[in-house]
Amino acid sequence: MWKMRKILALIIWSILLAAVSDTLAAPAPHKIVFRRNVGNSIIEGELCVMNPDGSHQKRLVSKFDGLGLTLSPDGQNLAFSSSRLNSWVDDLFIMDMETQVVRHVSDELHYAYNPAFSSDSKQIVVMNGYSDPHGPDHDFHISIVDIATTKVTKVTQGQEDWDPVFSPDGRRILYASGPVASRAYNMPQKRDIYTIKVSGEDRIRLTHNDLDENEPAYSPDGKFIVFVRGDNIFRMKSDGTAQKQLTHDGENYSPVFSPDGKQIAFVSTRDGNAEIYIMNSDGSSQKRLTKNNIADVSPVWR
């Protein structure tokens, strides 16, 4: 009887230890970092964070001029575009999320927009080139930046390549590409979604549609892609098949998968103002997370 009690006690103790170990090893819950506008200018903003259900919203940086936010997968660095060095030119910057120290990445990347980190957090892919703010004269291509060395490698030749992101395995770049556009000259933008090897080879077109398409993003497992078509968010398989419309009201943009691939954070104007929303990866259970008098934009997962 005593031996049986001892064995039973050891079993119970092992179960308790395993439960405690699992609790200690459990990763911290993910959060959503976003930009909150506080003025009429695009450079007047705050950097904020909240839980995926919209609770516990708090300000991280009170004066933040960054646009096109992207957070490194290790959660240590935030990359963004800013004209803080030259009011006519947007450059690429990285901010340490712990110290909030900001550094300029490279002098080779004037007019740099829409940065995205590689899965190992060692590289950034970005659209860069030349832009005339007063007319249709601009030329954007895709480049990869090595963060440690600041070496810049050109991937595409332009003339209109936008919104690049790395594939989860780091072998390809997903991006939007199309004819030159200018509202001032009544030249509509018409982009489609493409993918290309990081070497600049094997360019594949994934979509063919009359509406403008942009802001593609992979699911963490690389099986799906979300993107914007017109004013709505769509999802498709990574080969371009099984396209499905996920949103139907207002203007919807900036979709990004959660780290587990189960949810998508995005921006929508369906309630009259740009706010952060969340939905399941199949488009169900759409929920508004923020409510601000001006705009909450650029959601990224941390």
Protein backbone atom coordinates (compact mmCIF):
# COMPACT_ATOMS: atom_id res chain seq x y z
CA MET A 1 0.00 0.00 0.00
CA TRP A 2 2.82 2.39 0.92
CA LYS A 3 4.55 1.78 -2.42
CA MET A 4 1.33 2.46 -4.31
CA ARG A 5 0.87 5.76 -2.46
CA LYS A 6 4.45 6.73 -3.22
CA ILE A 7 4.02 5.95 -6.91
CA LEU A 8 0.75 7.90 -7.01
CA ALA A 9 2.38 10.88 -5.30
CA LEU A 10 5.25 10.83 -7.81
CA ILE A 11 2.79 10.76 -10.71
CA ILE A 12 0.81 13.72 -9.31
CA TRP A 13 4.04 15.63 -8.65
CA SER A 14 5.23 15.02 -12.23
CA ILE A 15 1.92 16.30 -13.62
CA LEU A 16 2.13 19.45 -11.48
CA LEU A 17 5.73 20.09 -12.55
CA ALA A 18 4.79 19.66 -16.23
CA ALA A 19 1.91 22.10 -15.83
CA VAL A 20 4.15 24.69 -14.16
CA SER A 21 6.82 24.19 -16.83
CA ASP A 22 4.28 24.70 -19.63
CA THR A 23 3.03 27.88 -17.96
CA LEU A 24 6.53 29.29 -17.61
CA ALA A 25 7.41 28.37 -21.21
CA ALA A 26 4.23 29.85 -22.67
CA PRO A 27 5.01 32.84 -24.90
CA ALA A 28 3.74 36.29 -24.02
CA PRO A 29 0.39 37.09 -25.66
CA HIS A 30 0.70 38.98 -28.93
CA LYS A 31 -0.20 42.65 -29.20
CA ILE A 32 -0.93 45.08 -32.03
CA VAL A 33 1.29 48.14 -32.51
CA PHE A 34 -0.19 50.96 -34.59
CA ARG A 35 0.09 54.63 -35.45
CA ARG A 36 -2.46 57.08 -34.03
CA ASN A 37 -2.78 60.43 -35.79
CA VAL A 38 -3.03 63.40 -33.45
CA GLY A 39 -3.07 66.32 -35.90
CA ASN A 40 -3.91 67.31 -39.43
CA SER A 41 -0.43 66.53 -40.77
CA ILE A 42 0.76 63.00 -41.60
CA ILE A 43 3.90 63.66 -39.54
CA GLU A 44 1.88 64.36 -36.39
CA GLY A 45 1.35 61.02 -34.76
CA GLU A 46 1.80 58.70 -31.81
CA LEU A 47 3.01 55.12 -31.65
CA CYS A 48 0.54 53.01 -29.67
CA VAL A 49 0.01 49.40 -28.62
CA MET A 50 -3.04 47.35 -27.59
CA ASN A 51 -4.26 43.81 -27.03
CA PRO A 52 -5.82 42.01 -30.03
CA ASP A 53 -9.27 42.57 -28.50
CA GLY A 54 -8.70 46.35 -28.40
CA SER A 55 -8.17 46.52 -24.64
CA HIS A 56 -5.34 48.21 -22.75
CA GLN A 57 -4.50 50.78 -25.42
CA LYS A 58 -1.48 52.81 -24.44
CA ARG A 59 0.98 55.20 -26.02
CA LEU A 60 4.56 54.07 -26.62
CA VAL A 61 5.95 57.21 -28.30
CA SER A 62 4.22 60.59 -27.97
CA LYS A 63 5.75 62.27 -31.03
CA PHE A 64 6.12 59.84 -33.90
CA ASP A 65 6.45 60.84 -37.57
CA GLY A 66 6.96 57.34 -38.95
CA LEU A 67 4.97 55.98 -41.90
CA GLY A 68 4.73 52.44 -43.31
CA LEU A 69 5.49 50.63 -40.07
CA THR A 70 6.98 47.15 -39.85
CA LEU A 71 8.11 45.27 -36.76
CA SER A 72 10.93 42.72 -36.76
CA PRO A 73 9.79 39.14 -35.97
CA ASP A 74 11.97 39.14 -32.83
CA GLY A 75 10.05 42.22 -31.65
CA GLN A 76 13.19 44.26 -31.07
CA ASN A 77 13.08 46.81 -33.89
CA LEU A 78 10.53 48.92 -35.73
CA ALA A 79 11.35 50.11 -39.25
CA PHE A 80 9.59 53.08 -40.85
CA SER A 81 9.86 55.89 -43.39
CA SER A 82 10.37 59.49 -42.32
CA SER A 83 11.33 62.87 -43.76
CA ARG A 84 12.93 64.00 -40.48
CA LEU A 85 16.31 64.57 -42.17
CA ASN A 86 14.94 66.27 -45.28
CA SER A 87 11.38 67.56 -45.61
CA TRP A 88 11.37 66.62 -49.33
CA VAL A 89 12.83 63.13 -49.03
CA ASP A 90 11.60 60.06 -47.11
CA ASP A 91 14.39 57.88 -45.70
CA LEU A 92 14.44 54.54 -43.89
CA PHE A 93 14.87 54.43 -40.11
CA ILE A 94 14.95 51.76 -37.40
CA MET A 95 13.84 52.30 -33.81
CA ASP A 96 14.87 50.04 -30.93
CA MET A 97 11.56 49.13 -29.26
CA GLU A 98 13.14 49.00 -25.78
CA THR A 99 15.29 52.12 -25.76
CA GLN A 100 13.34 54.04 -28.46
CA VAL A 101 16.67 55.06 -30.00
CA VAL A 102 16.27 55.77 -33.74
CA ARG A 103 18.96 55.35 -36.38
CA HIS A 104 19.11 56.19 -40.08
CA VAL A 105 19.67 53.00 -42.06
CA SER A 106 21.39 54.01 -45.33
CA ASP A 107 22.16 57.02 -47.50
CA GLU A 108 21.39 54.90 -50.58
CA LEU A 109 17.67 54.67 -49.86
CA HIS A 110 16.16 58.08 -50.56
CA TYR A 111 12.42 57.91 -51.20
CA ALA A 112 12.14 54.66 -49.25
CA TYR A 113 8.69 53.32 -48.37
CA ASN A 114 6.85 50.22 -47.13
CA PRO A 115 9.73 48.36 -45.43
CA ALA A 116 9.34 44.74 -44.27
CA PHE A 117 11.68 42.54 -42.24
CA SER A 118 12.91 39.08 -43.17
CA SER A 119 11.88 36.21 -40.87
CA ASP A 120 15.33 36.20 -39.22
CA SER A 121 15.13 39.98 -38.59
CA LYS A 122 18.48 40.51 -40.36
CA GLN A 123 17.25 42.11 -43.60
CA ILE A 124 14.68 44.65 -44.73
CA VAL A 125 13.01 44.74 -48.14
CA VAL A 126 11.82 48.16 -49.24
CA MET A 127 10.49 50.06 -52.24
CA ASN A 128 12.75 52.96 -53.13
CA GLY A 129 13.78 55.14 -56.04
CA TYR A 130 12.80 58.60 -57.20
CA SER A 131 9.58 60.54 -56.67
CA ASP A 132 8.47 63.94 -57.96
CA PRO A 133 5.86 65.21 -55.45
CA HIS A 134 4.46 67.63 -58.04
CA GLY A 135 3.89 65.25 -60.94
CA PRO A 136 3.87 61.71 -62.36
CA ASP A 137 7.65 61.48 -62.69
CA HIS A 138 8.74 58.70 -60.33
CA ASP A 139 10.47 55.35 -60.52
CA PHE A 140 10.21 52.79 -57.72
CA HIS A 141 11.94 49.44 -57.52
CA ILE A 142 12.45 46.82 -54.81
CA SER A 143 15.69 46.61 -52.79
CA ILE A 144 16.97 44.47 -49.93
CA VAL A 145 19.00 46.02 -47.12
CA ASP A 146 21.35 44.06 -44.88
CA ILE A 147 20.83 45.68 -41.47
CA ALA A 148 24.29 44.87 -40.08
CA THR A 149 26.29 46.10 -43.09
CA THR A 150 23.69 48.52 -44.61
CA LYS A 151 24.50 46.96 -48.01
CA VAL A 152 21.70 47.59 -50.52
CA THR A 153 20.88 45.03 -53.23
CA LYS A 154 18.47 45.92 -56.03
CA VAL A 155 15.93 43.18 -56.78
CA THR A 156 13.59 44.63 -59.42
CA GLN A 157 14.05 47.23 -62.16
CA GLY A 158 10.89 49.28 -61.51
CA GLN A 159 9.23 51.47 -62.73
CA GLU A 160 6.28 50.93 -60.41
CA ASP A 161 7.04 48.22 -57.82
CA TRP A 162 5.34 48.64 -54.45
CA ASP A 163 4.64 47.09 -51.03
CA PRO A 164 7.30 44.34 -50.89
CA VAL A 165 7.38 41.59 -48.24
CA PHE A 166 9.59 38.54 -47.81
CA SER A 167 8.14 35.06 -48.10
CA PRO A 168 8.36 33.21 -44.75
CA ASP A 169 11.29 31.12 -46.04
CA GLY A 170 13.11 34.26 -47.23
CA ARG A 171 13.54 33.02 -50.80
CA ARG A 172 11.05 35.24 -52.60
CA ILE A 173 9.61 38.75 -52.52
CA LEU A 174 5.88 39.39 -52.79
CA TYR A 175 4.92 42.81 -54.17
CA ALA A 176 2.53 44.90 -56.26
CA SER A 177 3.47 46.27 -59.66
CA GLY A 178 1.73 48.31 -62.34
CA PRO A 179 1.64 51.41 -64.55
CA VAL A 180 2.69 54.87 -63.40
CA ALA A 181 -0.13 56.72 -61.64
CA SER A 182 -0.84 60.35 -60.81
CA ARG A 183 -4.07 61.81 -59.49
CA ALA A 184 -2.95 65.28 -60.53
CA TYR A 185 -2.61 64.10 -64.14
CA ASN A 186 -5.70 61.84 -63.99
CA MET A 187 -3.61 58.72 -64.52
CA PRO A 188 -5.15 55.84 -62.53
CA GLN A 189 -3.03 53.29 -60.73
CA LYS A 190 -3.44 49.70 -61.96
CA ARG A 191 -1.27 47.24 -60.06
CA ASP A 192 -1.32 43.45 -59.81
CA ILE A 193 0.34 41.08 -57.35
CA TYR A 194 3.66 39.45 -58.27
CA THR A 195 6.32 37.32 -56.66
CA ILE A 196 10.01 37.11 -57.52
CA LYS A 197 13.13 35.40 -56.20
CA VAL A 198 15.40 37.55 -54.01
CA SER A 199 17.96 37.22 -56.81
CA GLY A 200 15.60 39.11 -59.15
CA GLU A 201 14.81 36.01 -61.22
CA ASP A 202 11.63 34.01 -61.85
CA ARG A 203 9.05 36.82 -61.76
CA ILE A 204 5.53 35.35 -61.48
CA ARG A 205 2.25 37.24 -61.83
CA LEU A 206 -0.39 36.01 -59.36
CA THR A 207 -3.43 38.21 -60.15
CA HIS A 208 -5.18 39.62 -63.22
CA ASN A 209 -7.89 42.13 -62.36
CA ASP A 210 -9.24 45.46 -63.63
CA LEU A 211 -9.08 46.98 -60.14
CA ASP A 212 -5.89 48.22 -58.51
CA GLU A 213 -4.29 45.64 -56.18
CA ASN A 214 -1.69 46.31 -53.50
CA GLU A 215 -0.44 45.65 -49.95
CA PRO A 216 0.06 41.87 -50.20
CA ALA A 217 1.11 39.92 -47.10
CA TYR A 218 1.85 36.24 -46.46
CA SER A 219 0.36 34.08 -43.76
CA PRO A 220 3.05 32.83 -41.34
CA ASP A 221 3.08 29.38 -42.95
CA GLY A 222 3.30 30.87 -46.46
CA LYS A 223 0.16 29.08 -47.67
CA PHE A 224 -2.03 32.17 -48.06
CA ILE A 225 -1.75 35.79 -49.16
CA VAL A 226 -3.98 38.69 -48.16
CA PHE A 227 -4.08 41.79 -50.35
CA VAL A 228 -6.16 44.84 -51.21
CA ARG A 229 -8.24 44.95 -54.38
CA GLY A 230 -10.01 48.25 -54.94
CA ASP A 231 -11.45 49.11 -51.52
CA ASN A 232 -11.62 45.60 -50.10
CA ILE A 233 -9.39 42.91 -48.64
CA PHE A 234 -9.05 39.55 -50.39
CA ARG A 235 -7.34 36.28 -49.53
CA MET A 236 -5.86 33.72 -51.92
CA LYS A 237 -3.56 30.75 -51.90
CA SER A 238 0.11 31.54 -52.42
CA ASP A 239 -0.10 30.41 -56.05
CA GLY A 240 -2.86 32.96 -56.79
CA THR A 241 -5.78 30.52 -56.77
CA ALA A 242 -8.90 30.35 -54.55
CA GLN A 243 -9.33 34.12 -54.32
CA LYS A 244 -11.92 35.15 -51.73
CA GLN A 245 -13.28 38.58 -50.78
CA LEU A 246 -13.13 39.15 -47.00
CA THR A 247 -14.51 42.69 -46.54
CA HIS A 248 -17.47 44.47 -48.16
CA ASP A 249 -18.05 47.84 -46.48
CA GLY A 250 -16.08 51.09 -46.63
CA GLU A 251 -12.45 51.41 -47.64
CA ASN A 252 -10.33 48.58 -46.23
CA TYR A 253 -6.54 48.33 -46.32
CA SER A 254 -3.28 47.39 -44.53
CA PRO A 255 -4.15 43.72 -43.84
CA VAL A 256 -1.64 41.67 -41.84
CA PHE A 257 -1.85 38.14 -40.46
CA SER A 258 -1.39 37.45 -36.76
CA PRO A 259 1.71 35.40 -35.84
CA ASP A 260 -0.42 32.25 -35.53
CA GLY A 261 -2.19 32.94 -38.83
CA LYS A 262 -5.66 32.75 -37.28
CA GLN A 263 -6.55 36.46 -37.46
CA ILE A 264 -6.01 39.48 -39.70
CA ALA A 265 -5.65 43.04 -38.44
CA PHE A 266 -6.56 45.78 -40.91
CA VAL A 267 -7.76 49.37 -41.31
CA SER A 268 -11.29 50.28 -42.36
CA THR A 269 -13.32 53.48 -42.84
CA ARG A 270 -16.69 51.67 -42.67
CA ASP A 271 -17.72 53.65 -39.58
CA GLY A 272 -16.71 57.01 -41.05
CA ASN A 273 -13.10 57.16 -39.92
CA ALA A 274 -9.93 55.11 -40.36
CA GLU A 275 -9.76 52.66 -37.45
CA ILE A 276 -8.07 49.35 -36.64
CA TYR A 277 -10.23 46.23 -37.05
CA ILE A 278 -9.65 42.52 -36.65
CA MET A 279 -11.21 39.44 -38.26
CA ASN A 280 -10.66 35.73 -38.50
CA SER A 281 -8.48 34.60 -41.39
CA ASP A 282 -11.60 33.52 -43.32
CA GLY A 283 -13.19 36.99 -42.97
CA SER A 284 -15.61 36.08 -40.17
CA SER A 285 -16.10 37.86 -36.82
CA GLN A 286 -15.00 41.34 -37.95
CA LYS A 287 -14.58 43.65 -34.96
CA ARG A 288 -13.59 47.28 -34.52
CA LEU A 289 -10.73 47.75 -32.02
CA THR A 290 -10.06 51.51 -31.92
CA LYS A 291 -12.11 54.71 -31.83
CA ASN A 292 -10.27 57.96 -32.47
CA ASN A 293 -11.38 61.35 -33.78
CA ILE A 294 -8.80 61.39 -36.59
CA ALA A 295 -7.29 58.04 -37.62
CA ASP A 296 -5.64 54.87 -36.34
CA VAL A 297 -3.58 53.18 -39.05
CA SER A 298 -0.64 50.88 -39.90
CA PRO A 299 -1.28 47.88 -37.62
CA VAL A 300 1.60 45.45 -37.03
CA TRP A 301 1.76 42.43 -34.71
CA ARG A 302 4.21 42.17 -31.85
